[in-house]
N, C-alpha and C. Protein backbone atom coordinates (compact mmCIF):
# COMPACT_ATOMS: atom_id res chain seq x y z
N LEU A 1 62.79 79.68 28.88
CA LEU A 1 64.07 80.12 29.38
C LEU A 1 64.08 80.26 30.89
N GLU A 2 62.93 80.35 31.50
CA GLU A 2 62.86 80.54 32.94
C GLU A 2 62.67 79.24 33.70
N ALA A 3 62.84 78.12 33.04
CA ALA A 3 62.66 76.82 33.70
C ALA A 3 63.66 76.67 34.84
N THR A 4 63.16 76.13 35.95
CA THR A 4 64.02 75.88 37.11
C THR A 4 64.07 74.38 37.38
N TRP A 5 65.12 73.96 38.05
CA TRP A 5 65.32 72.53 38.27
C TRP A 5 64.24 71.92 39.15
N ASP A 6 63.62 72.70 40.02
CA ASP A 6 62.57 72.12 40.86
C ASP A 6 61.31 71.77 40.07
N GLU A 7 61.23 72.22 38.82
CA GLU A 7 60.10 71.88 37.95
C GLU A 7 60.30 70.56 37.22
N VAL A 8 61.52 70.05 37.22
CA VAL A 8 61.85 68.84 36.46
C VAL A 8 61.84 67.63 37.38
N ASP A 9 60.99 66.67 37.04
CA ASP A 9 60.92 65.40 37.76
C ASP A 9 61.67 64.36 36.91
N PHE A 10 62.92 64.12 37.27
CA PHE A 10 63.75 63.20 36.50
C PHE A 10 63.24 61.76 36.60
N GLU A 11 62.72 61.39 37.74
CA GLU A 11 62.26 60.01 37.94
C GLU A 11 61.08 59.66 37.04
N ASN A 12 60.15 60.61 36.87
CA ASN A 12 58.97 60.36 36.05
C ASN A 12 59.06 61.01 34.66
N ALA A 13 60.19 61.63 34.37
CA ALA A 13 60.44 62.28 33.07
C ALA A 13 59.35 63.28 32.71
N VAL A 14 59.10 64.21 33.65
CA VAL A 14 58.08 65.23 33.44
C VAL A 14 58.63 66.60 33.85
N TRP A 15 58.40 67.59 33.01
CA TRP A 15 58.71 68.97 33.35
C TRP A 15 57.37 69.66 33.58
N SER A 16 57.13 70.13 34.80
CA SER A 16 55.87 70.78 35.16
C SER A 16 56.06 72.29 35.16
N ILE A 17 55.45 72.94 34.18
CA ILE A 17 55.55 74.39 34.06
C ILE A 17 54.41 75.02 34.87
N PRO A 18 54.75 75.88 35.82
CA PRO A 18 53.69 76.48 36.65
C PRO A 18 52.81 77.44 35.87
N LYS A 19 51.58 77.60 36.36
CA LYS A 19 50.59 78.44 35.67
C LYS A 19 51.06 79.88 35.48
N GLU A 20 51.91 80.38 36.36
CA GLU A 20 52.38 81.76 36.28
C GLU A 20 53.16 82.05 35.00
N ARG A 21 53.72 81.01 34.40
CA ARG A 21 54.50 81.20 33.18
C ARG A 21 53.77 80.75 31.92
N MET A 22 52.54 80.32 32.08
CA MET A 22 51.77 79.85 30.93
C MET A 22 50.82 80.94 30.45
N LYS A 23 50.64 81.01 29.15
CA LYS A 23 49.80 82.03 28.52
C LYS A 23 48.36 81.99 29.05
N ARG A 24 47.83 80.80 29.21
CA ARG A 24 46.43 80.65 29.66
C ARG A 24 46.31 80.52 31.18
N LYS A 25 47.42 80.73 31.88
CA LYS A 25 47.45 80.68 33.35
C LYS A 25 46.98 79.34 33.91
N LYS A 26 47.30 78.26 33.18
CA LYS A 26 47.03 76.91 33.64
C LYS A 26 48.35 76.15 33.65
N PRO A 27 48.61 75.36 34.70
CA PRO A 27 49.87 74.60 34.72
C PRO A 27 49.92 73.63 33.54
N HIS A 28 51.14 73.31 33.12
CA HIS A 28 51.31 72.46 31.94
C HIS A 28 52.42 71.45 32.19
N ASN A 29 52.15 70.19 31.89
CA ASN A 29 53.17 69.14 32.00
C ASN A 29 53.73 68.82 30.62
N VAL A 30 55.06 68.74 30.57
CA VAL A 30 55.76 68.34 29.35
C VAL A 30 56.38 66.98 29.65
N TYR A 31 55.94 65.96 28.94
CA TYR A 31 56.47 64.62 29.14
C TYR A 31 57.74 64.48 28.31
N LEU A 32 58.82 64.17 28.97
CA LEU A 32 60.14 64.17 28.34
C LEU A 32 60.48 62.82 27.73
N SER A 33 60.90 62.85 26.48
CA SER A 33 61.41 61.64 25.82
C SER A 33 62.74 61.27 26.46
N GLN A 34 63.25 60.10 26.16
CA GLN A 34 64.54 59.70 26.71
C GLN A 34 65.64 60.65 26.25
N GLN A 35 65.57 61.07 24.99
CA GLN A 35 66.57 62.01 24.48
C GLN A 35 66.49 63.35 25.22
N SER A 36 65.28 63.85 25.44
CA SER A 36 65.11 65.10 26.19
C SER A 36 65.62 64.95 27.62
N LEU A 37 65.31 63.83 28.23
CA LEU A 37 65.76 63.57 29.59
C LEU A 37 67.29 63.52 29.65
N ASP A 38 67.91 62.89 28.68
CA ASP A 38 69.38 62.84 28.62
C ASP A 38 69.97 64.24 28.51
N ILE A 39 69.34 65.09 27.71
CA ILE A 39 69.81 66.47 27.57
C ILE A 39 69.64 67.22 28.89
N MET A 40 68.51 67.02 29.56
CA MET A 40 68.28 67.67 30.85
C MET A 40 69.32 67.23 31.88
N ILE A 41 69.65 65.95 31.88
CA ILE A 41 70.67 65.44 32.81
C ILE A 41 72.01 66.10 32.52
N ALA A 42 72.36 66.22 31.24
CA ALA A 42 73.62 66.88 30.87
C ALA A 42 73.61 68.35 31.29
N LEU A 43 72.48 69.03 31.07
CA LEU A 43 72.38 70.43 31.48
C LEU A 43 72.50 70.58 32.99
N LYS A 44 71.88 69.66 33.72
CA LYS A 44 71.96 69.70 35.19
C LYS A 44 73.40 69.53 35.65
N THR A 45 74.14 68.66 34.98
CA THR A 45 75.55 68.46 35.31
C THR A 45 76.34 69.74 35.07
N CYS A 46 76.07 70.40 33.96
CA CYS A 46 76.79 71.65 33.62
C CYS A 46 76.36 72.82 34.50
N ALA A 47 75.11 72.84 34.92
CA ALA A 47 74.57 73.97 35.68
C ALA A 47 75.04 73.99 37.13
N ALA A 48 75.61 72.90 37.59
CA ALA A 48 76.08 72.80 38.98
C ALA A 48 74.96 73.15 39.94
N ASN A 49 75.12 74.20 40.71
CA ASN A 49 74.11 74.56 41.71
C ASN A 49 73.20 75.70 41.28
N CYS A 50 73.15 75.99 39.99
CA CYS A 50 72.29 77.06 39.49
C CYS A 50 70.83 76.66 39.61
N ARG A 51 69.99 77.62 39.89
CA ARG A 51 68.55 77.39 40.02
C ARG A 51 67.90 77.14 38.66
N TYR A 52 68.41 77.84 37.64
CA TYR A 52 67.79 77.78 36.31
C TYR A 52 68.39 76.68 35.44
N VAL A 53 67.54 76.08 34.61
CA VAL A 53 68.00 75.07 33.66
C VAL A 53 68.99 75.70 32.68
N LEU A 54 68.68 76.90 32.23
CA LEU A 54 69.56 77.67 31.34
C LEU A 54 69.90 78.99 32.04
N PRO A 55 70.94 78.99 32.88
CA PRO A 55 71.27 80.21 33.63
C PRO A 55 71.95 81.25 32.76
N SER A 56 71.91 82.48 33.24
CA SER A 56 72.63 83.56 32.59
C SER A 56 74.13 83.29 32.67
N ARG A 57 74.82 83.71 31.67
CA ARG A 57 76.27 83.53 31.63
C ARG A 57 76.96 84.34 32.73
N TYR A 58 76.38 85.49 33.06
CA TYR A 58 77.02 86.41 33.99
C TYR A 58 76.45 86.38 35.40
N ASP A 59 75.25 85.86 35.57
CA ASP A 59 74.61 85.83 36.88
C ASP A 59 73.79 84.55 37.00
N ALA A 60 74.32 83.60 37.75
CA ALA A 60 73.67 82.28 37.87
C ALA A 60 72.30 82.36 38.54
N ASP A 61 72.00 83.49 39.17
CA ASP A 61 70.69 83.66 39.80
C ASP A 61 69.64 84.21 38.84
N GLU A 62 70.01 84.35 37.58
CA GLU A 62 69.10 84.84 36.55
C GLU A 62 69.06 83.83 35.39
N PRO A 63 67.91 83.76 34.68
CA PRO A 63 67.86 82.87 33.51
C PRO A 63 68.59 83.48 32.33
N MET A 64 68.93 82.64 31.37
CA MET A 64 69.55 83.11 30.13
C MET A 64 68.61 84.12 29.47
N SER A 65 69.16 85.15 28.89
CA SER A 65 68.33 86.17 28.24
C SER A 65 67.83 85.67 26.88
N ARG A 66 66.73 86.23 26.45
CA ARG A 66 66.19 85.89 25.13
C ARG A 66 67.17 86.33 24.04
N ALA A 67 67.85 87.45 24.27
CA ALA A 67 68.83 87.93 23.29
C ALA A 67 69.94 86.91 23.10
N THR A 68 70.41 86.31 24.17
CA THR A 68 71.46 85.29 24.07
C THR A 68 70.95 84.10 23.28
N PHE A 69 69.74 83.66 23.59
CA PHE A 69 69.17 82.51 22.89
C PHE A 69 69.03 82.81 21.40
N ASN A 70 68.59 84.02 21.07
CA ASN A 70 68.44 84.39 19.66
C ASN A 70 69.78 84.51 18.95
N ARG A 71 70.83 84.93 19.67
CA ARG A 71 72.17 84.97 19.07
C ARG A 71 72.65 83.56 18.74
N VAL A 72 72.31 82.60 19.58
CA VAL A 72 72.68 81.21 19.32
C VAL A 72 72.00 80.72 18.05
N THR A 73 70.71 81.01 17.89
CA THR A 73 70.02 80.56 16.67
C THR A 73 70.60 81.25 15.44
N ALA A 74 70.97 82.52 15.56
CA ALA A 74 71.59 83.22 14.43
C ALA A 74 72.92 82.56 14.06
N ALA A 75 73.67 82.13 15.06
CA ALA A 75 74.95 81.45 14.80
C ALA A 75 74.72 80.11 14.10
N ILE A 76 73.65 79.42 14.46
CA ILE A 76 73.31 78.15 13.81
C ILE A 76 73.00 78.39 12.33
N VAL A 77 72.22 79.43 12.05
CA VAL A 77 71.89 79.76 10.66
C VAL A 77 73.17 80.08 9.88
N GLU A 78 74.05 80.86 10.48
CA GLU A 78 75.30 81.24 9.82
C GLU A 78 76.16 80.02 9.53
N ARG A 79 76.29 79.13 10.49
CA ARG A 79 77.09 77.92 10.28
C ARG A 79 76.49 77.05 9.19
N ALA A 80 75.16 76.94 9.16
CA ALA A 80 74.50 76.15 8.12
C ALA A 80 74.82 76.73 6.74
N LYS A 81 74.79 78.05 6.63
CA LYS A 81 75.10 78.70 5.34
C LYS A 81 76.54 78.42 4.92
N GLN A 82 77.46 78.44 5.88
CA GLN A 82 78.87 78.17 5.59
C GLN A 82 79.07 76.76 5.05
N GLN A 83 78.17 75.86 5.42
CA GLN A 83 78.27 74.47 4.97
C GLN A 83 77.33 74.20 3.80
N ASP A 84 76.93 75.27 3.10
CA ASP A 84 76.06 75.18 1.93
C ASP A 84 74.72 74.50 2.22
N PHE A 85 74.22 74.70 3.41
CA PHE A 85 72.90 74.20 3.78
C PHE A 85 72.01 75.42 4.00
N PRO A 86 71.17 75.75 3.00
CA PRO A 86 70.38 76.97 3.11
C PRO A 86 69.35 76.88 4.24
N LEU A 87 69.47 77.78 5.17
CA LEU A 87 68.56 77.82 6.31
C LEU A 87 68.17 79.28 6.52
N ALA A 88 66.88 79.57 6.44
CA ALA A 88 66.42 80.94 6.63
C ALA A 88 66.58 81.34 8.10
N PRO A 89 66.87 82.60 8.35
CA PRO A 89 66.97 83.05 9.75
C PRO A 89 65.66 82.78 10.50
N PHE A 90 65.76 82.45 11.77
CA PHE A 90 64.59 82.16 12.59
C PHE A 90 64.87 82.53 14.04
N THR A 91 63.80 82.62 14.82
CA THR A 91 63.94 82.85 16.25
C THR A 91 63.38 81.64 16.98
N VAL A 92 63.64 81.57 18.26
CA VAL A 92 63.11 80.47 19.07
C VAL A 92 61.59 80.50 19.03
N HIS A 93 61.00 81.69 19.04
CA HIS A 93 59.54 81.79 18.99
C HIS A 93 59.00 81.21 17.69
N ASP A 94 59.74 81.35 16.59
CA ASP A 94 59.32 80.74 15.32
C ASP A 94 59.19 79.23 15.47
N LEU A 95 60.12 78.61 16.18
CA LEU A 95 60.08 77.16 16.39
C LEU A 95 58.85 76.77 17.20
N ARG A 96 58.56 77.53 18.26
CA ARG A 96 57.40 77.24 19.09
C ARG A 96 56.12 77.38 18.27
N ARG A 97 56.03 78.45 17.51
CA ARG A 97 54.83 78.70 16.70
C ARG A 97 54.63 77.61 15.65
N THR A 98 55.70 77.22 14.98
CA THR A 98 55.62 76.17 13.97
C THR A 98 55.23 74.84 14.60
N GLY A 99 55.85 74.51 15.71
CA GLY A 99 55.50 73.27 16.41
C GLY A 99 54.04 73.26 16.83
N SER A 100 53.56 74.37 17.37
CA SER A 100 52.17 74.47 17.78
C SER A 100 51.22 74.31 16.60
N THR A 101 51.54 74.96 15.49
CA THR A 101 50.71 74.86 14.28
C THR A 101 50.65 73.42 13.78
N LEU A 102 51.80 72.77 13.68
CA LEU A 102 51.84 71.40 13.17
C LEU A 102 51.07 70.44 14.09
N LEU A 103 51.22 70.61 15.39
CA LEU A 103 50.48 69.75 16.33
C LEU A 103 48.98 69.99 16.24
N ASN A 104 48.56 71.24 16.10
CA ASN A 104 47.14 71.54 15.95
C ASN A 104 46.58 70.93 14.67
N GLU A 105 47.37 70.94 13.60
CA GLU A 105 46.92 70.38 12.32
C GLU A 105 46.67 68.89 12.40
N ILE A 106 47.36 68.19 13.29
CA ILE A 106 47.14 66.74 13.40
C ILE A 106 46.26 66.38 14.60
N GLY A 107 45.60 67.40 15.18
CA GLY A 107 44.59 67.13 16.19
C GLY A 107 44.97 67.36 17.64
N PHE A 108 46.20 67.75 17.90
CA PHE A 108 46.57 68.05 19.28
C PHE A 108 46.17 69.47 19.60
N ASN A 109 45.71 69.70 20.82
CA ASN A 109 45.30 71.04 21.20
C ASN A 109 46.01 71.45 22.46
């Protein structure tokens, strides 16, 4: 949620997360697929001159809060239920943890 536009290299399709925000205090590169890059371009267009990729709704100088992000996921679960698609409640951290587990199971570390 604290990603800033200066971390995103659109030309090389890489998001470089600084060590200060990483659990192991080592910088991390995320190589962006074309779909991810397209989403980042759309977000950049919407964000105008905001520093953050996902700015706060009320203060563009702050990142979106975790509470806001979790409310969005809760709304997704609710909409899925309304359309008879059973989806258990989840948080953004659940997605990260599941992704990490699945990648570790197939040999990525």
